[in-house]
């Protein structure tokens, strides 16, 4: 396994100058503002802040006392200090750039708490907090930093868990360090909008700030990572026009022409103070209201009432367990096999039947799962022993998922679902009835229909504008443009099932194979949404438009 780079471990993806300048221009309003940069790196944001303050009339000789940066890496901190000196600033070792962990520094100094033998406490708050927190995933978050960060989050009544990535406490603690009318401007991963572990922080931001602006980009900002980012602009002062708004730009070069007046003129939408995902704020107020109305509609059924979603089989090493017909014959593995679907691209229609599986076999696609008896190696037939020995020669048994098993060559939880569900969605979400009795890898979710549910009707009804629209605001999309669902997210999707038994799944199967989902939607939107739920033409058209708008935004950002 390749060791993560030092840059990845530090999360050190530095801020492009157009973003640093924009954040400083928005957050700093007067020549006397005091500014904090929680992870200042090589100083790109601090120098932008210094230039902004100088432009507002702040005297150079005292400007170093208005800037406060913290940086873990001493070499990067030295670069930041040098950049500020090149602007003519006289830096104070007490007030300007501090080397060390931001959270420990906050606990010891900025929050004014007695820690060990420390006597002098600053208890300092700021007019502006501007930053680009390190994109450190939870696996690489140093434990000694994590513990302090989580204790500071708990000050705000939050309950972080082990899946919390490092940028979240930077965001929360930075917010707590603002003055009563302060402004926060940060570069944040777009997963803030979507992921479940950020749900509590979304609610915190909704409660803590009176106005929030989200500036997003169709293009990826950081070339080194497939990570969509947003600019989070949050104001504590209590505006009469409070709320949230989202503004989308093509690329960071458009920041140069985005004026503060244009930001102020953008339409505000009422903030939802629940843990609801923020993808909805790319919609206008009428569209948001319709989705909330539909969620509460008495004719709509939550997906988890009729189906149970589970991950596919985690083999631990597909190269060993998932085989083509040619490989099966080469190693003599029959009959220790199950029919297998290994990729969502092998599910062309709304039904996967025996003929589809046979077509995959004929095309030499990986269509078999190796399933030896759960028996000691010496009790297995010789061809199986030889194949397992071949796997061990390639060290497949050393992988984590394999080595923790009683017998590494026996994949757990092998069962054929009633239906398959796409885990990663390109154009639209889909249920596929599994009449072939095939199993699947974890690239596809497995679905069991609950007692009493009509599997064919539910599968057909899944194709409708309401469910498609909610899929876009329920799933998670990263830089590559694919919409991803965890089982719990898929089970929260609303399904309009009134009149579902009138739908012809075989017809829909033919339409999807012909790449004609629009005709299928025309049918279901009429039968399920208009006749079943009593929606007006304009409401159905709006739901279809929500899906198309969010789908195209996601795909075009690839």
Foldseek 3Di string as FASTA:
>chain_A
DDDDDPCQLQLDQDDDLLQLLLLLLVFDDALQFAEEELAQFQASNVLSNLVNSVVRPHDQACSQQRAAYEHADPVSLVNNVVSSVVVVHDHDPVHHYHYRQSLVCCCPECCQDDDDPDDDHHVAATQEYEYEHRFHFLVSDDPVNVVSLQVLLVVLVDDADSRDTPVLSVVSVNLVRHDQWHKYKYKAFPCCQADPRNLVVLLVLLVQFFAWEKEFELAAAGPVDQTGIIIIITTNDHDPDGAYAYHYDHYSVCSVVDDPVNVVPGDGEHRDNGSFGNVCRVDDNVLSVLLVVVLPFPLKDQLLVWKAKAFFFALLDCVQFFFAPVVCVVLVQPPQKFFEDEAPVLQQFQADAQVSSVVCNVVRHRTITGADDPDPLVPGDPSVNVSVVVCVVVPSCVGPCQVVDPHSNHTPDDFFAQWKWQQKAQQFTAIHGYHHRGGYHRNIMGMHTDPPHDVLLQRLQCLELSLLLVQLSQFDAGSQLITGDDSVSSSRGITRRQQSVVDDRVVRRVCSSVVNSVVSHVVSCVRRVCVNSVDDPVSRVSSNVSSVVSSCSSNSSD
